[in-house]
Every structure is written in C-alpha cells, then in structure tokens.
Amino acid sequence: MSEDCLFCSIVSGDIPATIVHETDEVLAFRDLNPQAPTHVLVIPKAHYANAAELAEAEPSSAASLLTAAKEVAVLEGIAKSGYRLVFNTGKDGQQTVFHVHCHVLGGRAMVWPPG
C-alpha cells in the first residue's frame, strides 16, 4: 500500500467506490469519468505503479487482473458483444493514477485508433 495513492485508499476503504467485483487479489469499480457506457477499473489490491512493474514482480497477479477483467465483462453483459481492455503506462501513455489499473470499456462499438 502507498499512503498517497488514490487507488490504495479505495482498496483500504478510506475512499468510497462503486464496487462491481472483488477477489482476494483484485478490486473492480466504476470509473468516475466513464468514457463508454461500461467503464470499470480493475486493480490489484497490492500497489504496483504500472502494468510492466506488475508483470515483472507478480506475473500471477497480472493473470488474476486479466481474469477479473473478463469476469467484469461477463457481469456487465458485454462479454459476447465485445469490449476493450486498456492499460495506460507512464505519463506519455496518459497514465494519471500511478497504481496499475485496467480499463474495461464496452457497451458500444469501440473506434480505432483509440488515441
């Protein structure tokens, strides 16, 4: 846990969030600024700055994160129609909270390229 991390504060319960899925390792909650009809963030409960750091330090936790993202898609009813998983890494990748998180986006056709 990082004391000054927004997502760590959500994991600890200090900041409220609309939880849609939770396991021992991950937490999934609605994005406050949704970019699609379904926009859920999936995070590991342990603090890692970005996806690369998580994959290097805890590959099994990275797999748990992807499994949870798939489960969110099923729960949200977008698994069959399709959805996008997005990891922003670093400042130039538009990462704004430096706790690895996967955006699960769906509920409409996704355009390409995204940015």
PDB file of N, CA and C in Angstrom:
ATOM      1  N   MET A   1       0.832  -1.190   0.000  1.00  0.00           N
ATOM      2  CA  MET A   1       0.000   0.000   0.000  1.00  0.00           C
ATOM      3  C   MET A   1       0.875   1.251   0.000  1.00  0.00           C
ATOM      4  N   SER A   2       0.411   2.228  -0.745  1.00  0.00           N
ATOM      5  CA  SER A   2       1.087   3.508  -0.780  1.00  0.00           C
ATOM      6  C   SER A   2       0.147   4.540  -0.150  1.00  0.00           C
ATOM      7  N   GLU A   3       0.617   5.239   0.843  1.00  0.00           N
ATOM      8  CA  GLU A   3      -0.240   6.162   1.602  1.00  0.00           C
ATOM      9  C   GLU A   3      -0.811   7.292   0.765  1.00  0.00           C
ATOM     10  N   ASP A   4      -0.104   7.725  -0.274  1.00  0.00           N
ATOM     11  CA  ASP A   4      -0.577   8.854  -1.068  1.00  0.00           C
ATOM     12  C   ASP A   4      -1.227   8.418  -2.386  1.00  0.00           C
ATOM     13  N   CYS A   5      -1.607   7.136  -2.493  1.00  0.00           N
ATOM     14  CA  CYS A   5      -2.181   6.602  -3.725  1.00  0.00           C
ATOM     15  C   CYS A   5      -3.711   6.551  -3.626  1.00  0.00           C
ATOM     16  N   LEU A   6      -4.379   7.176  -4.586  1.00  0.00           N
ATOM     17  CA  LEU A   6      -5.836   7.188  -4.635  1.00  0.00           C
ATOM     18  C   LEU A   6      -6.411   5.773  -4.622  1.00  0.00           C
ATOM     19  N   PHE A   7      -5.869   4.893  -5.457  1.00  0.00           N
ATOM     20  CA  PHE A   7      -6.429   3.549  -5.557  1.00  0.00           C
ATOM     21  C   PHE A   7      -6.143   2.715  -4.311  1.00  0.00           C
ATOM     22  N   CYS A   8      -5.011   2.924  -3.665  1.00  0.00           N
ATOM     23  CA  CYS A   8      -4.756   2.246  -2.396  1.00  0.00           C
ATOM     24  C   CYS A   8      -5.768   2.695  -1.346  1.00  0.00           C
ATOM     25  N   SER A   9      -6.162   3.961  -1.397  1.00  0.00           N
ATOM     26  CA  SER A   9      -7.180   4.467  -0.472  1.00  0.00           C
ATOM     27  C   SER A   9      -8.546   3.843  -0.752  1.00  0.00           C
ATOM     28  N   ILE A  10      -8.829   3.539  -2.007  1.00  0.00           N
ATOM     29  CA  ILE A  10     -10.071   2.842  -2.346  1.00  0.00           C
ATOM     30  C   ILE A  10     -10.006   1.406  -1.832  1.00  0.00           C
ATOM     31  N   VAL A  11      -8.875   0.735  -2.030  1.00  0.00           N
ATOM     32  CA  VAL A  11      -8.700  -0.639  -1.541  1.00  0.00           C
ATOM     33  C   VAL A  11      -8.897  -0.691  -0.027  1.00  0.00           C
ATOM     34  N   SER A  12      -8.342   0.272   0.690  1.00  0.00           N
ATOM     35  CA  SER A  12      -8.435   0.268   2.153  1.00  0.00           C
ATOM     36  C   SER A  12      -9.815   0.688   2.657  1.00  0.00           C
ATOM     37  N   GLY A  13     -10.655   1.227   1.784  1.00  0.00           N
ATOM     38  CA  GLY A  13     -11.982   1.677   2.194  1.00  0.00           C
ATOM     39  C   GLY A  13     -12.038   3.111   2.666  1.00  0.00           C
ATOM     40  N   ASP A  14     -10.901   3.815   2.614  1.00  0.00           N
ATOM     41  CA  ASP A  14     -10.874   5.215   3.038  1.00  0.00           C
ATOM     42  C   ASP A  14     -11.592   6.129   2.059  1.00  0.00           C
ATOM     43  N   ILE A  15     -11.626   5.741   0.789  1.00  0.00           N
ATOM     44  CA  ILE A  15     -12.347   6.485  -0.240  1.00  0.00           C
ATOM     45  C   ILE A  15     -13.386   5.536  -0.822  1.00  0.00           C
ATOM     46  N   PRO A  16     -14.653   5.972  -0.876  1.00  0.00           N
ATOM     47  CA  PRO A  16     -15.698   5.083  -1.391  1.00  0.00           C
ATOM     48  C   PRO A  16     -15.613   4.916  -2.909  1.00  0.00           C
ATOM     49  N   ALA A  17     -16.088   3.771  -3.372  1.00  0.00           N
ATOM     50  CA  ALA A  17     -16.171   3.487  -4.799  1.00  0.00           C
ATOM     51  C   ALA A  17     -17.338   2.532  -5.010  1.00  0.00           C
ATOM     52  N   THR A  18     -17.853   2.510  -6.228  1.00  0.00           N
ATOM     53  CA  THR A  18     -18.919   1.576  -6.572  1.00  0.00           C
ATOM     54  C   THR A  18     -18.258   0.285  -7.056  1.00  0.00           C
ATOM     55  N   ILE A  19     -18.187  -0.681  -6.162  1.00  0.00           N
ATOM     56  CA  ILE A  19     -17.513  -1.948  -6.423  1.00  0.00           C
ATOM     57  C   ILE A  19     -18.422  -2.831  -7.277  1.00  0.00           C
ATOM     58  N   VAL A  20     -17.844  -3.414  -8.344  1.00  0.00           N
ATOM     59  CA  VAL A  20     -18.617  -4.332  -9.179  1.00  0.00           C
ATOM     60  C   VAL A  20     -18.093  -5.767  -9.080  1.00  0.00           C
ATOM     61  N   HIS A  21     -16.865  -5.948  -8.602  1.00  0.00           N
ATOM     62  CA  HIS A  21     -16.282  -7.284  -8.469  1.00  0.00           C
ATOM     63  C   HIS A  21     -15.089  -7.189  -7.531  1.00  0.00           C
ATOM     64  N   GLU A  22     -14.898  -8.248  -6.730  1.00  0.00           N
ATOM     65  CA  GLU A  22     -13.764  -8.263  -5.816  1.00  0.00           C
ATOM     66  C   GLU A  22     -13.340  -9.706  -5.563  1.00  0.00           C
ATOM     67  N   THR A  23     -12.023  -9.903  -5.500  1.00  0.00           N
ATOM     68  CA  THR A  23     -11.438 -11.172  -5.084  1.00  0.00           C
ATOM     69  C   THR A  23     -10.401 -10.851  -4.009  1.00  0.00           C
ATOM     70  N   ASP A  24      -9.689 -11.858  -3.567  1.00  0.00           N
ATOM     71  CA  ASP A  24      -8.626 -11.618  -2.586  1.00  0.00           C
ATOM     72  C   ASP A  24      -7.525 -10.732  -3.148  1.00  0.00           C
ATOM     73  N   GLU A  25      -7.313 -10.798  -4.470  1.00  0.00           N
ATOM     74  CA  GLU A  25      -6.201 -10.082  -5.096  1.00  0.00           C
ATOM     75  C   GLU A  25      -6.576  -8.801  -5.823  1.00  0.00           C
ATOM     76  N   VAL A  26      -7.818  -8.703  -6.317  1.00  0.00           N
ATOM     77  CA  VAL A  26      -8.188  -7.567  -7.167  1.00  0.00           C
ATOM     78  C   VAL A  26      -9.490  -6.920  -6.721  1.00  0.00           C
ATOM     79  N   LEU A  27      -9.652  -5.687  -7.172  1.00  0.00           N
ATOM     80  CA  LEU A  27     -10.856  -4.913  -6.914  1.00  0.00           C
ATOM     81  C   LEU A  27     -11.259  -4.250  -8.223  1.00  0.00           C
ATOM     82  N   ALA A  28     -12.544  -4.306  -8.542  1.00  0.00           N
ATOM     83  CA  ALA A  28     -13.059  -3.669  -9.759  1.00  0.00           C
ATOM     84  C   ALA A  28     -14.166  -2.695  -9.356  1.00  0.00           C
ATOM     85  N   PHE A  29     -14.082  -1.466  -9.885  1.00  0.00           N
ATOM     86  CA  PHE A  29     -15.044  -0.432  -9.521  1.00  0.00           C
ATOM     87  C   PHE A  29     -15.299   0.483 -10.713  1.00  0.00           C
ATOM     88  N   ARG A  30     -16.442   1.151 -10.687  1.00  0.00           N
ATOM     89  CA  ARG A  30     -16.830   2.038 -11.784  1.00  0.00           C
ATOM     90  C   ARG A  30     -15.933   3.275 -11.839  1.00  0.00           C
ATOM     91  N   ASP A  31     -15.563   3.650 -13.062  1.00  0.00           N
ATOM     92  CA  ASP A  31     -14.785   4.872 -13.275  1.00  0.00           C
ATOM     93  C   ASP A  31     -15.687   6.075 -13.030  1.00  0.00           C
ATOM     94  N   LEU A  32     -15.178   7.079 -12.354  1.00  0.00           N
ATOM     95  CA  LEU A  32     -15.973   8.287 -12.072  1.00  0.00           C
ATOM     96  C   LEU A  32     -16.173   9.163 -13.302  1.00  0.00           C
ATOM     97  N   ASN A  33     -15.356   8.954 -14.330  1.00  0.00           N
ATOM     98  CA  ASN A  33     -15.453   9.743 -15.561  1.00  0.00           C
ATOM     99  C   ASN A  33     -15.538   8.762 -16.739  1.00  0.00           C
ATOM    100  N   PRO A  34     -16.673   8.070 -16.864  1.00  0.00           N
ATOM    101  CA  PRO A  34     -16.758   6.999 -17.865  1.00  0.00           C
ATOM    102  C   PRO A  34     -16.604   7.491 -19.299  1.00  0.00           C
ATOM    103  N   GLN A  35     -15.851   6.709 -20.076  1.00  0.00           N
ATOM    104  CA  GLN A  35     -15.607   7.016 -21.484  1.00  0.00           C
ATOM    105  C   GLN A  35     -16.427   6.117 -22.409  1.00  0.00           C
ATOM    106  N   ALA A  36     -17.254   5.248 -21.837  1.00  0.00           N
ATOM    107  CA  ALA A  36     -18.127   4.343 -22.578  1.00  0.00           C
ATOM    108  C   ALA A  36     -19.271   3.980 -21.644  1.00  0.00           C
ATOM    109  N   PRO A  37     -20.351   3.414 -22.180  1.00  0.00           N
ATOM    110  CA  PRO A  37     -21.462   3.029 -21.300  1.00  0.00           C
ATOM    111  C   PRO A  37     -21.028   2.111 -20.147  1.00  0.00           C
ATOM    112  N   THR A  38     -20.104   1.205 -20.410  1.00  0.00           N
ATOM    113  CA  THR A  38     -19.473   0.420 -19.353  1.00  0.00           C
ATOM    114  C   THR A  38     -18.022   0.856 -19.267  1.00  0.00           C
ATOM    115  N   HIS A  39     -17.632   1.325 -18.092  1.00  0.00           N
ATOM    116  CA  HIS A  39     -16.238   1.718 -17.857  1.00  0.00           C
ATOM    117  C   HIS A  39     -15.906   1.365 -16.413  1.00  0.00           C
ATOM    118  N   VAL A  40     -15.210   0.256 -16.255  1.00  0.00           N
ATOM    119  CA  VAL A  40     -14.851  -0.257 -14.941  1.00  0.00           C
ATOM    120  C   VAL A  40     -13.327  -0.348 -14.860  1.00  0.00           C
ATOM    121  N   LEU A  41     -12.779   0.032 -13.725  1.00  0.00           N
ATOM    122  CA  LEU A  41     -11.347  -0.096 -13.477  1.00  0.00           C
ATOM    123  C   LEU A  41     -11.108  -1.349 -12.648  1.00  0.00           C
ATOM    124  N   VAL A  42     -10.130  -2.136 -13.063  1.00  0.00           N
ATOM    125  CA  VAL A  42      -9.740  -3.341 -12.332  1.00  0.00           C
ATOM    126  C   VAL A  42      -8.311  -3.137 -11.870  1.00  0.00           C
ATOM    127  N   ILE A  43      -8.098  -3.262 -10.553  1.00  0.00           N
ATOM    128  CA  ILE A  43      -6.779  -3.000  -9.976  1.00  0.00           C
ATOM    129  C   ILE A  43      -6.349  -4.156  -9.077  1.00  0.00           C
ATOM    130  N   PRO A  44      -5.047  -4.380  -8.971  1.00  0.00           N
ATOM    131  CA  PRO A  44      -4.591  -5.308  -7.933  1.00  0.00           C
ATOM    132  C   PRO A  44      -4.690  -4.584  -6.587  1.00  0.00           C
ATOM    133  N   LYS A  45      -4.964  -5.329  -5.544  1.00  0.00           N
ATOM    134  CA  LYS A  45      -5.014  -4.705  -4.224  1.00  0.00           C
ATOM    135  C   LYS A  45      -3.626  -4.277  -3.756  1.00  0.00           C
ATOM    136  N   ALA A  46      -2.601  -4.971  -4.212  1.00  0.00           N
ATOM    137  CA  ALA A  46      -1.222  -4.583  -3.902  1.00  0.00           C
ATOM    138  C   ALA A  46      -0.814  -3.445  -4.836  1.00  0.00           C
ATOM    139  N   HIS A  47       0.019  -2.566  -4.348  1.00  0.00           N
ATOM    140  CA  HIS A  47       0.426  -1.395  -5.131  1.00  0.00           C
ATOM    141  C   HIS A  47       1.597  -1.720  -6.058  1.00  0.00           C
ATOM    142  N   TYR A  48       1.363  -1.522  -7.341  1.00  0.00           N
ATOM    143  CA  TYR A  48       2.399  -1.540  -8.379  1.00  0.00           C
ATOM    144  C   TYR A  48       2.139  -0.334  -9.254  1.00  0.00           C
ATOM    145  N   ALA A  49       3.158   0.369  -9.661  1.00  0.00           N
ATOM    146  CA  ALA A  49       2.987   1.632 -10.381  1.00  0.00           C
ATOM    147  C   ALA A  49       2.331   1.460 -11.742  1.00  0.00           C
ATOM    148  N   ASN A  50       2.674   0.386 -12.459  1.00  0.00           N
ATOM    149  CA  ASN A  50       2.135   0.232 -13.811  1.00  0.00           C
ATOM    150  C   ASN A  50       2.115  -1.242 -14.202  1.00  0.00           C
ATOM    151  N   ALA A  51       1.573  -1.526 -15.382  1.00  0.00           N
ATOM    152  CA  ALA A  51       1.415  -2.910 -15.835  1.00  0.00           C
ATOM    153  C   ALA A  51       2.758  -3.618 -15.975  1.00  0.00           C
ATOM    154  N   ALA A  52       3.765  -2.935 -16.459  1.00  0.00           N
ATOM    155  CA  ALA A  52       5.083  -3.556 -16.627  1.00  0.00           C
ATOM    156  C   ALA A  52       5.667  -3.959 -15.277  1.00  0.00           C
ATOM    157  N   GLU A  53       5.529  -3.103 -14.289  1.00  0.00           N
ATOM    158  CA  GLU A  53       6.035  -3.402 -12.948  1.00  0.00           C
ATOM    159  C   GLU A  53       5.298  -4.601 -12.352  1.00  0.00           C
ATOM    160  N   LEU A  54       3.983  -4.651 -12.520  1.00  0.00           N
ATOM    161  CA  LEU A  54       3.199  -5.772 -12.012  1.00  0.00           C
ATOM    162  C   LEU A  54       3.603  -7.074 -12.700  1.00  0.00           C
ATOM    163  N   ALA A  55       3.718  -7.051 -14.016  1.00  0.00           N
ATOM    164  CA  ALA A  55       4.067  -8.261 -14.770  1.00  0.00           C
ATOM    165  C   ALA A  55       5.434  -8.790 -14.364  1.00  0.00           C
ATOM    166  N   GLU A  56       6.373  -7.897 -14.110  1.00  0.00           N
ATOM    167  CA  GLU A  56       7.717  -8.327 -13.716  1.00  0.00           C
ATOM    168  C   GLU A  56       7.740  -8.868 -12.291  1.00  0.00           C
ATOM    169  N   ALA A  57       7.043  -8.195 -11.375  1.00  0.00           N
ATOM    170  CA  ALA A  57       7.111  -8.566  -9.959  1.00  0.00           C
ATOM    171  C   ALA A  57       6.183  -9.728  -9.602  1.00  0.00           C
ATOM    172  N   GLU A  58       5.003  -9.750 -10.183  1.00  0.00           N
ATOM    173  CA  GLU A  58       3.980 -10.724  -9.800  1.00  0.00           C
ATOM    174  C   GLU A  58       3.199 -11.201 -11.020  1.00  0.00           C
ATOM    175  N   PRO A  59       3.797 -12.036 -11.872  1.00  0.00           N
ATOM    176  CA  PRO A  59       3.077 -12.486 -13.076  1.00  0.00           C
ATOM    177  C   PRO A  59       1.729 -13.138 -12.767  1.00  0.00           C
ATOM    178  N   SER A  60       1.633 -13.852 -11.661  1.00  0.00           N
ATOM    179  CA  SER A  60       0.355 -14.493 -11.334  1.00  0.00           C
ATOM    180  C   SER A  60      -0.704 -13.450 -10.984  1.00  0.00           C
ATOM    181  N   SER A  61      -0.304 -12.335 -10.391  1.00  0.00           N
ATOM    182  CA  SER A  61      -1.250 -11.255 -10.098  1.00  0.00           C
ATOM    183  C   SER A  61      -1.699 -10.558 -11.382  1.00  0.00           C
ATOM    184  N   ALA A  62      -0.789 -10.455 -12.356  1.00  0.00           N
ATOM    185  CA  ALA A  62      -1.177  -9.897 -13.660  1.00  0.00           C
ATOM    186  C   ALA A  62      -2.229 -10.785 -14.311  1.00  0.00           C
ATOM    187  N   ALA A  63      -2.056 -12.104 -14.202  1.00  0.00           N
ATOM    188  CA  ALA A  63      -3.043 -13.040 -14.744  1.00  0.00           C
ATOM    189  C   ALA A  63      -4.373 -12.906 -13.998  1.00  0.00           C
ATOM    190  N   SER A  64      -4.322 -12.739 -12.695  1.00  0.00           N
ATOM    191  CA  SER A  64      -5.549 -12.552 -11.908  1.00  0.00           C
ATOM    192  C   SER A  64      -6.280 -11.282 -12.325  1.00  0.00           C
ATOM    193  N   LEU A  65      -5.526 -10.245 -12.644  1.00  0.00           N
ATOM    194  CA  LEU A  65      -6.114  -8.984 -13.086  1.00  0.00           C
ATOM    195  C   LEU A  65      -6.873  -9.182 -14.403  1.00  0.00           C
ATOM    196  N   LEU A  66      -6.268  -9.904 -15.340  1.00  0.00           N
ATOM    197  CA  LEU A  66      -6.932 -10.160 -16.622  1.00  0.00           C
ATOM    198  C   LEU A  66      -8.146 -11.067 -16.455  1.00  0.00           C
ATOM    199  N   THR A  67      -8.047 -12.046 -15.579  1.00  0.00           N
ATOM    200  CA  THR A  67      -9.192 -12.923 -15.305  1.00  0.00           C
ATOM    201  C   THR A  67     -10.340 -12.122 -14.709  1.00  0.00           C
ATOM    202  N   ALA A  68     -10.024 -11.216 -13.804  1.00  0.00           N
ATOM    203  CA  ALA A  68     -11.057 -10.368 -13.201  1.00  0.00           C
ATOM    204  C   ALA A  68     -11.675  -9.440 -14.241  1.00  0.00           C
ATOM    205  N   ALA A  69     -10.870  -8.929 -15.169  1.00  0.00           N
ATOM    206  CA  ALA A  69     -11.404  -8.066 -16.231  1.00  0.00           C
ATOM    207  C   ALA A  69     -12.410  -8.834 -17.080  1.00  0.00           C
ATOM    208  N   LYS A  70     -12.094 -10.086 -17.396  1.00  0.00           N
ATOM    209  CA  LYS A  70     -13.034 -10.921 -18.151  1.00  0.00           C
ATOM    210  C   LYS A  70     -14.310 -11.134 -17.354  1.00  0.00           C
ATOM    211  N   GLU A  71     -14.193 -11.371 -16.060  1.00  0.00           N
ATOM    212  CA  GLU A  71     -15.363 -11.570 -15.204  1.00  0.00           C
ATOM    213  C   GLU A  71     -16.226 -10.303 -15.146  1.00  0.00           C
ATOM    214  N   VAL A  72     -15.598  -9.158 -15.105  1.00  0.00           N
ATOM    215  CA  VAL A  72     -16.342  -7.892 -15.140  1.00  0.00           C
ATOM    216  C   VAL A  72     -17.137  -7.790 -16.442  1.00  0.00           C
ATOM    217  N   ALA A  73     -16.507  -8.146 -17.559  1.00  0.00           N
ATOM    218  CA  ALA A  73     -17.209  -8.103 -18.845  1.00  0.00           C
ATOM    219  C   ALA A  73     -18.434  -9.012 -18.829  1.00  0.00           C
ATOM    220  N   VAL A  74     -18.299 -10.187 -18.233  1.00  0.00           N
ATOM    221  CA  VAL A  74     -19.441 -11.106 -18.121  1.00  0.00           C
ATOM    222  C   VAL A  74     -20.522 -10.487 -17.241  1.00  0.00           C
ATOM    223  N   LEU A  75     -20.131  -9.992 -16.067  1.00  0.00           N
ATOM    224  CA  LEU A  75     -21.090  -9.395 -15.135  1.00  0.00           C
ATOM    225  C   LEU A  75     -21.805  -8.187 -15.728  1.00  0.00           C
ATOM    226  N   GLU A  76     -21.097  -7.422 -16.537  1.00  0.00           N
ATOM    227  CA  GLU A  76     -21.662  -6.211 -17.131  1.00  0.00           C
ATOM    228  C   GLU A  76     -22.431  -6.489 -18.423  1.00  0.00           C
ATOM    229  N   GLY A  77     -22.437  -7.736 -18.880  1.00  0.00           N
ATOM    230  CA  GLY A  77     -23.199  -8.108 -20.070  1.00  0.00           C
ATOM    231  C   GLY A  77     -22.568  -7.690 -21.389  1.00  0.00           C
ATOM    232  N   ILE A  78     -21.263  -7.497 -21.402  1.00  0.00           N
ATOM    233  CA  ILE A  78     -20.586  -7.071 -22.640  1.00  0.00           C
ATOM    234  C   ILE A  78     -19.625  -8.124 -23.183  1.00  0.00           C
ATOM    235  N   ALA A  79     -19.553  -9.276 -22.532  1.00  0.00           N
ATOM    236  CA  ALA A  79     -18.584 -10.298 -22.938  1.00  0.00           C
ATOM    237  C   ALA A  79     -18.856 -10.813 -24.348  1.00  0.00           C
ATOM    238  N   LYS A  80     -20.102 -10.987 -24.706  1.00  0.00           N
ATOM    239  CA  LYS A  80     -20.416 -11.540 -26.027  1.00  0.00           C
ATOM    240  C   LYS A  80     -20.324 -10.491 -27.130  1.00  0.00           C
ATOM    241  N   SER A  81     -20.740  -9.281 -26.855  1.00  0.00           N
ATOM    242  CA  SER A  81     -20.717  -8.235 -27.893  1.00  0.00           C
ATOM    243  C   SER A  81     -19.319  -7.681 -28.115  1.00  0.00           C
ATOM    244  N   GLY A  82     -18.475  -7.740 -27.091  1.00  0.00           N
ATOM    245  CA  GLY A  82     -17.099  -7.271 -27.202  1.00  0.00           C
ATOM    246  C   GLY A  82     -16.803  -6.108 -26.275  1.00  0.00           C
ATOM    247  N   TYR A  83     -15.543  -5.986 -25.948  1.00  0.00           N
ATOM    248  CA  TYR A  83     -15.101  -4.949 -25.028  1.00  0.00           C
ATOM    249  C   TYR A  83     -13.618  -4.693 -25.257  1.00  0.00           C
ATOM    250  N   ARG A  84     -13.133  -3.623 -24.673  1.00  0.00           N
ATOM    251  CA  ARG A  84     -11.726  -3.257 -24.797  1.00  0.00           C
ATOM    252  C   ARG A  84     -11.100  -3.240 -23.402  1.00  0.00           C
ATOM    253  N   LEU A  85      -9.866  -3.748 -23.320  1.00  0.00           N
ATOM    254  CA  LEU A  85      -9.061  -3.636 -22.105  1.00  0.00           C
ATOM    255  C   LEU A  85      -7.925  -2.674 -22.399  1.00  0.00           C
ATOM    256  N   VAL A  86      -7.746  -1.681 -21.542  1.00  0.00           N
ATOM    257  CA  VAL A  86      -6.725  -0.663 -21.762  1.00  0.00           C
ATOM    258  C   VAL A  86      -5.880  -0.506 -20.503  1.00  0.00           C
ATOM    259  N   PHE A  87      -4.557  -0.547 -20.695  1.00  0.00           N
ATOM    260  CA  PHE A  87      -3.594  -0.220 -19.649  1.00  0.00           C
ATOM    261  C   PHE A  87      -2.823   1.002 -20.134  1.00  0.00           C
ATOM    262  N   ASN A  88      -2.910   2.124 -19.435  1.00  0.00           N
ATOM    263  CA  ASN A  88      -2.092   3.293 -19.731  1.00  0.00           C
ATOM    264  C   ASN A  88      -0.852   3.191 -18.853  1.00  0.00           C
ATOM    265  N   THR A  89       0.319   3.342 -19.456  1.00  0.00           N
ATOM    266  CA  THR A  89       1.559   3.202 -18.703  1.00  0.00           C
ATOM    267  C   THR A  89       2.443   4.422 -18.916  1.00  0.00           C
ATOM    268  N   GLY A  90       2.708   5.134 -17.840  1.00  0.00           N
ATOM    269  CA  GLY A  90       3.577   6.306 -17.885  1.00  0.00           C
ATOM    270  C   GLY A  90       2.859   7.568 -18.332  1.00  0.00           C
ATOM    271  N   LYS A  91       3.541   8.680 -18.130  1.00  0.00           N
ATOM    272  CA  LYS A  91       2.972   9.995 -18.437  1.00  0.00           C
ATOM    273  C   LYS A  91       2.568  10.115 -19.901  1.00  0.00           C
ATOM    274  N   ASP A  92       3.443   9.715 -20.815  1.00  0.00           N
ATOM    275  CA  ASP A  92       3.125   9.818 -22.243  1.00  0.00           C
ATOM    276  C   ASP A  92       2.041   8.838 -22.666  1.00  0.00           C
ATOM    277  N   GLY A  93       1.823   7.793 -21.880  1.00  0.00           N
ATOM    278  CA  GLY A  93       0.742   6.849 -22.133  1.00  0.00           C
ATOM    279  C   GLY A  93      -0.572   7.295 -21.508  1.00  0.00           C
ATOM    280  N   GLN A  94      -0.576   8.512 -20.953  1.00  0.00           N
ATOM    281  CA  GLN A  94      -1.749   9.123 -20.330  1.00  0.00           C
ATOM    282  C   GLN A  94      -2.148   8.460 -19.016  1.00  0.00           C
ATOM    283  N   GLN A  95      -1.198   7.821 -18.333  1.00  0.00           N
ATOM    284  CA  GLN A  95      -1.490   7.285 -17.005  1.00  0.00           C
ATOM    285  C   GLN A  95      -1.559   8.453 -16.036  1.00  0.00           C
ATOM    286  N   THR A  96      -2.655   8.551 -15.294  1.00  0.00           N
ATOM    287  CA  THR A  96      -2.825   9.662 -14.353  1.00  0.00           C
ATOM    288  C   THR A  96      -2.799   9.212 -12.894  1.00  0.00           C
ATOM    289  N   VAL A  97      -3.128   7.951 -12.640  1.00  0.00           N
ATOM    290  CA  VAL A  97      -3.004   7.383 -11.299  1.00  0.00           C
ATOM    291  C   VAL A  97      -1.949   6.286 -11.401  1.00  0.00           C
ATOM    292  N   PHE A  98      -0.883   6.425 -10.652  1.00  0.00           N
ATOM    293  CA  PHE A  98       0.249   5.521 -10.790  1.00  0.00           C
ATOM    294  C   PHE A  98       0.130   4.320  -9.854  1.00  0.00           C
ATOM    295  N   HIS A  99      -0.987   3.622 -10.028  1.00  0.00           N
ATOM    296  CA  HIS A  99      -1.288   2.313  -9.448  1.00  0.00           C
ATOM    297  C   HIS A  99      -1.881   1.564 -10.630  1.00  0.00           C
ATOM    298  N   VAL A 100      -1.246   0.478 -11.042  1.00  0.00           N
ATOM    299  CA  VAL A 100      -1.679  -0.203 -12.257  1.00  0.00           C
ATOM    300  C   VAL A 100      -3.187  -0.437 -12.240  1.00  0.00           C
ATOM    301  N   HIS A 101      -3.819  -0.160 -13.370  1.00  0.00           N
ATOM    302  CA  HIS A 101      -5.252  -0.388 -13.498  1.00  0.00           C
ATOM    303  C   HIS A 101      -5.603  -0.690 -14.945  1.00  0.00           C
ATOM    304  N   CYS A 102      -6.559  -1.568 -15.083  1.00  0.00           N
ATOM    305  CA  CYS A 102      -7.056  -1.972 -16.393  1.00  0.00           C
ATOM    306  C   CYS A 102      -8.437  -1.355 -16.573  1.00  0.00           C
ATOM    307  N   HIS A 103      -8.615  -0.627 -17.659  1.00  0.00           N
ATOM    308  CA  HIS A 103      -9.924  -0.088 -18.001  1.00  0.00           C
ATOM    309  C   HIS A 103     -10.678  -1.155 -18.787  1.00  0.00           C
ATOM    310  N   VAL A 104     -11.868  -1.512 -18.338  1.00  0.00           N
ATOM    311  CA  VAL A 104     -12.756  -2.389 -19.093  1.00  0.00           C
ATOM    312  C   VAL A 104     -13.819  -1.479 -19.693  1.00  0.00           C
ATOM    313  N   LEU A 105     -13.800  -1.368 -21.027  1.00  0.00           N
ATOM    314  CA  LEU A 105     -14.686  -0.446 -21.740  1.00  0.00           C
ATOM    315  C   LEU A 105     -15.576  -1.230 -22.696  1.00  0.00           C
ATOM    316  N   GLY A 106     -16.850  -0.903 -22.718  1.00  0.00           N
ATOM    317  CA  GLY A 106     -17.762  -1.573 -23.643  1.00  0.00           C
ATOM    318  C   GLY A 106     -19.137  -0.954 -23.606  1.00  0.00           C
ATOM    319  N   GLY A 107     -20.064  -1.659 -24.220  1.00  0.00           N
ATOM    320  CA  GLY A 107     -21.438  -1.170 -24.277  1.00  0.00           C
ATOM    321  C   GLY A 107     -21.732  -0.381 -25.537  1.00  0.00           C
ATOM    322  N   ARG A 108     -20.740  -0.211 -26.390  1.00  0.00           N
ATOM    323  CA  ARG A 108     -20.886   0.426 -27.694  1.00  0.00           C
ATOM    324  C   ARG A 108     -19.704  -0.021 -28.546  1.00  0.00           C
ATOM    325  N   ALA A 109     -19.792   0.215 -29.856  1.00  0.00           N
ATOM    326  CA  ALA A 109     -18.675  -0.115 -30.736  1.00  0.00           C
ATOM    327  C   ALA A 109     -17.488   0.771 -30.376  1.00  0.00           C
ATOM    328  N   MET A 110     -16.311   0.184 -30.270  1.00  0.00           N
ATOM    329  CA  MET A 110     -15.096   0.910 -29.983  1.00  0.00           C
ATOM    330  C   MET A 110     -14.453   1.330 -31.309  1.00  0.00           C
ATOM    331  N   VAL A 111     -13.950   2.542 -31.386  1.00  0.00           N
ATOM    332  CA  VAL A 111     -13.315   3.031 -32.611  1.00  0.00           C
ATOM    333  C   VAL A 111     -11.814   2.783 -32.530  1.00  0.00           C
ATOM    334  N   TRP A 112     -11.157   2.729 -33.680  1.00  0.00           N
ATOM    335  CA  TRP A 112      -9.717   2.536 -33.734  1.00  0.00           C
ATOM    336  C   TRP A 112      -9.144   3.494 -34.763  1.00  0.00           C
ATOM    337  N   PRO A 113      -8.051   4.142 -34.542  1.00  0.00           N
ATOM    338  CA  PRO A 113      -7.231   4.021 -33.343  1.00  0.00           C
ATOM    339  C   PRO A 113      -7.844   4.796 -32.185  1.00  0.00           C
ATOM    340  N   PRO A 114      -7.568   4.362 -30.965  1.00  0.00           N
ATOM    341  CA  PRO A 114      -8.186   4.994 -29.808  1.00  0.00           C
ATOM    342  C   PRO A 114      -7.589   6.332 -29.435  1.00  0.00           C
ATOM    343  N   GLY A 115      -6.378   6.643 -29.831  1.00  0.00           N
ATOM    344  CA  GLY A 115      -5.828   7.902 -29.372  1.00  0.00           C
ATOM    345  C   GLY A 115      -4.634   8.277 -30.142  1.00  0.00           C
TER     346      GLY A 115
END
